[in-house]
Amino acid sequence: MHKLLAEQGFAPEMFAESELRVAVAQKHILEHFFAGTALPLILHEELAMVLMHQGREGEARTLMQPICKPGEDGMLPPSRIERGRCRPAP
């Protein structure tokens, strides 16, 4: 199927975006089976990266908003700020 779509001019990023959106939308599965793991964060970050590569930074930041909460120390992990997925608190 992916080959057929690629032959019709659909970019691979479109496949990644759709697959990642399906995974991110499965909140009940992520919360139940993957609680306490990095998988939900990884899925959100990967989808945000795809969106940013497509020039859709606003959409990427909106997606990351629930993830961009400071930890118990009140700080965001520097890697999220450096990659542009989260903005530091003012």
Protein backbone atom coordinates (compact mmCIF):
# COMPACT_ATOMS: atom_id res chain seq x y z
CA MET A 1 0.00 0.00 0.00
CA HIS A 2 2.80 2.43 0.91
CA LYS A 3 4.48 1.73 -2.44
CA LEU A 4 1.26 2.46 -4.31
CA LEU A 5 0.78 5.72 -2.41
CA ALA A 6 4.42 6.70 -2.98
CA GLU A 7 3.99 6.11 -6.71
CA GLN A 8 1.05 8.53 -6.61
CA GLY A 9 3.21 11.25 -5.06
CA PHE A 10 2.58 10.86 -1.35
CA ALA A 11 5.69 11.55 0.75
CA PRO A 12 6.96 9.07 3.39
CA GLU A 13 6.42 11.73 6.07
CA MET A 14 2.70 11.46 5.40
CA PHE A 15 2.83 7.77 6.34
CA ALA A 16 4.79 8.54 9.49
CA GLU A 17 2.37 11.28 10.48
CA SER A 18 -0.71 9.11 10.04
CA GLU A 19 0.80 6.14 11.88
CA LEU A 20 2.03 8.32 14.75
CA ARG A 21 -1.34 10.08 15.03
CA VAL A 22 -3.04 6.69 15.39
CA ALA A 23 -0.58 5.68 18.12
CA VAL A 24 -0.87 8.99 20.02
CA ALA A 25 -4.67 8.80 19.86
CA GLN A 26 -4.67 5.48 21.75
CA LYS A 27 -4.49 7.27 25.11
CA HIS A 28 -6.22 4.50 27.06
CA ILE A 29 -3.72 1.92 25.79
CA LEU A 30 -0.74 4.19 26.46
CA GLU A 31 -1.97 4.99 29.98
CA HIS A 32 -2.85 1.40 30.86
CA PHE A 33 -0.10 -0.68 29.28
CA PHE A 34 2.73 1.86 29.03
CA ALA A 35 2.29 3.94 32.20
CA GLY A 36 5.66 4.88 33.62
CA THR A 37 7.49 4.27 30.35
CA ALA A 38 8.91 6.72 27.85
CA LEU A 39 6.74 5.44 24.99
CA PRO A 40 4.03 8.14 25.17
CA LEU A 41 6.70 10.85 25.24
CA ILE A 42 8.61 9.28 22.36
CA LEU A 43 5.48 9.05 20.21
CA HIS A 44 4.58 12.69 20.88
CA GLU A 45 8.13 13.85 20.20
CA GLU A 46 8.39 11.88 16.96
CA LEU A 47 5.08 13.25 15.68
CA ALA A 48 6.15 16.77 16.69
CA MET A 49 9.40 16.27 14.78
CA VAL A 50 7.50 15.20 11.63
CA LEU A 51 5.22 18.23 11.91
CA MET A 52 8.16 20.58 12.42
CA HIS A 53 9.91 19.15 9.36
CA GLN A 54 6.76 19.98 7.42
CA GLY A 55 6.88 23.57 8.68
CA ARG A 56 3.95 23.05 11.02
CA GLU A 57 5.65 24.33 14.19
CA GLY A 58 2.48 25.70 15.78
CA GLU A 59 0.75 22.36 15.45
CA ALA A 60 3.83 20.59 16.85
CA ARG A 61 3.93 22.86 19.89
CA THR A 62 0.20 22.39 20.50
CA LEU A 63 0.70 18.62 20.37
CA MET A 64 3.57 18.86 22.87
CA GLN A 65 1.77 21.20 25.28
CA PRO A 66 0.60 18.41 27.64
CA ILE A 67 4.12 16.95 27.61
CA CYS A 68 5.84 20.32 28.19
CA LYS A 69 5.07 20.49 31.89
CA PRO A 70 7.89 21.15 34.32
CA GLY A 71 9.02 18.27 36.49
CA GLU A 72 9.02 18.18 40.27
CA ASP A 73 12.07 20.47 40.23
CA GLY A 74 10.10 23.05 38.21
CA MET A 75 12.34 22.61 35.18
CA LEU A 76 11.82 21.23 31.69
CA PRO A 77 14.35 18.73 30.40
CA PRO A 78 16.90 20.73 28.35
CA SER A 79 16.61 18.30 25.42
CA ARG A 80 12.97 19.29 24.85
CA ILE A 81 13.85 22.97 24.84
CA GLU A 82 16.92 22.51 22.62
CA ARG A 83 14.91 20.64 20.00
CA GLY A 84 12.32 23.43 19.95
CA ARG A 85 9.47 21.20 21.07
CA CYS A 86 8.94 23.04 24.37
CA ARG A 87 9.47 26.61 25.42
CA PRO A 88 10.94 27.43 28.81
CA ALA A 89 8.62 29.13 31.28
CA PRO A 90 9.06 32.92 31.46
